[in-house]
């Protein structure tokens, strides 16, 4: 009886571990082995960020934000786009 309880406890811990495993994996492991899904998602995220840059430029041109605020807001977006470009090139190089 005690052995069955211990077995059930270990099984429960194992199932919980499997449920949380995707949260601790590296980003690249979430995708299929050929990398096509990752490339598509990175390209989609890049398009979203480019749209965000256009919106920020429109906000600056319309006077909603100052030039200084625009510079502070646009720099992280540019950095993220550059990082995504590097990831896309790396993944496409592996294909």
Foldseek 3Di string as FASTA:
>chain_A
DVVVVVVVVVVVVVVVCVVCVVVPDDPQVVDDPLCPVVLVVLVVVLVVLVVVLVVLVVCCVVPVDDPVVSVVVNVVSVVSNVVSVVVNVVSVVVD
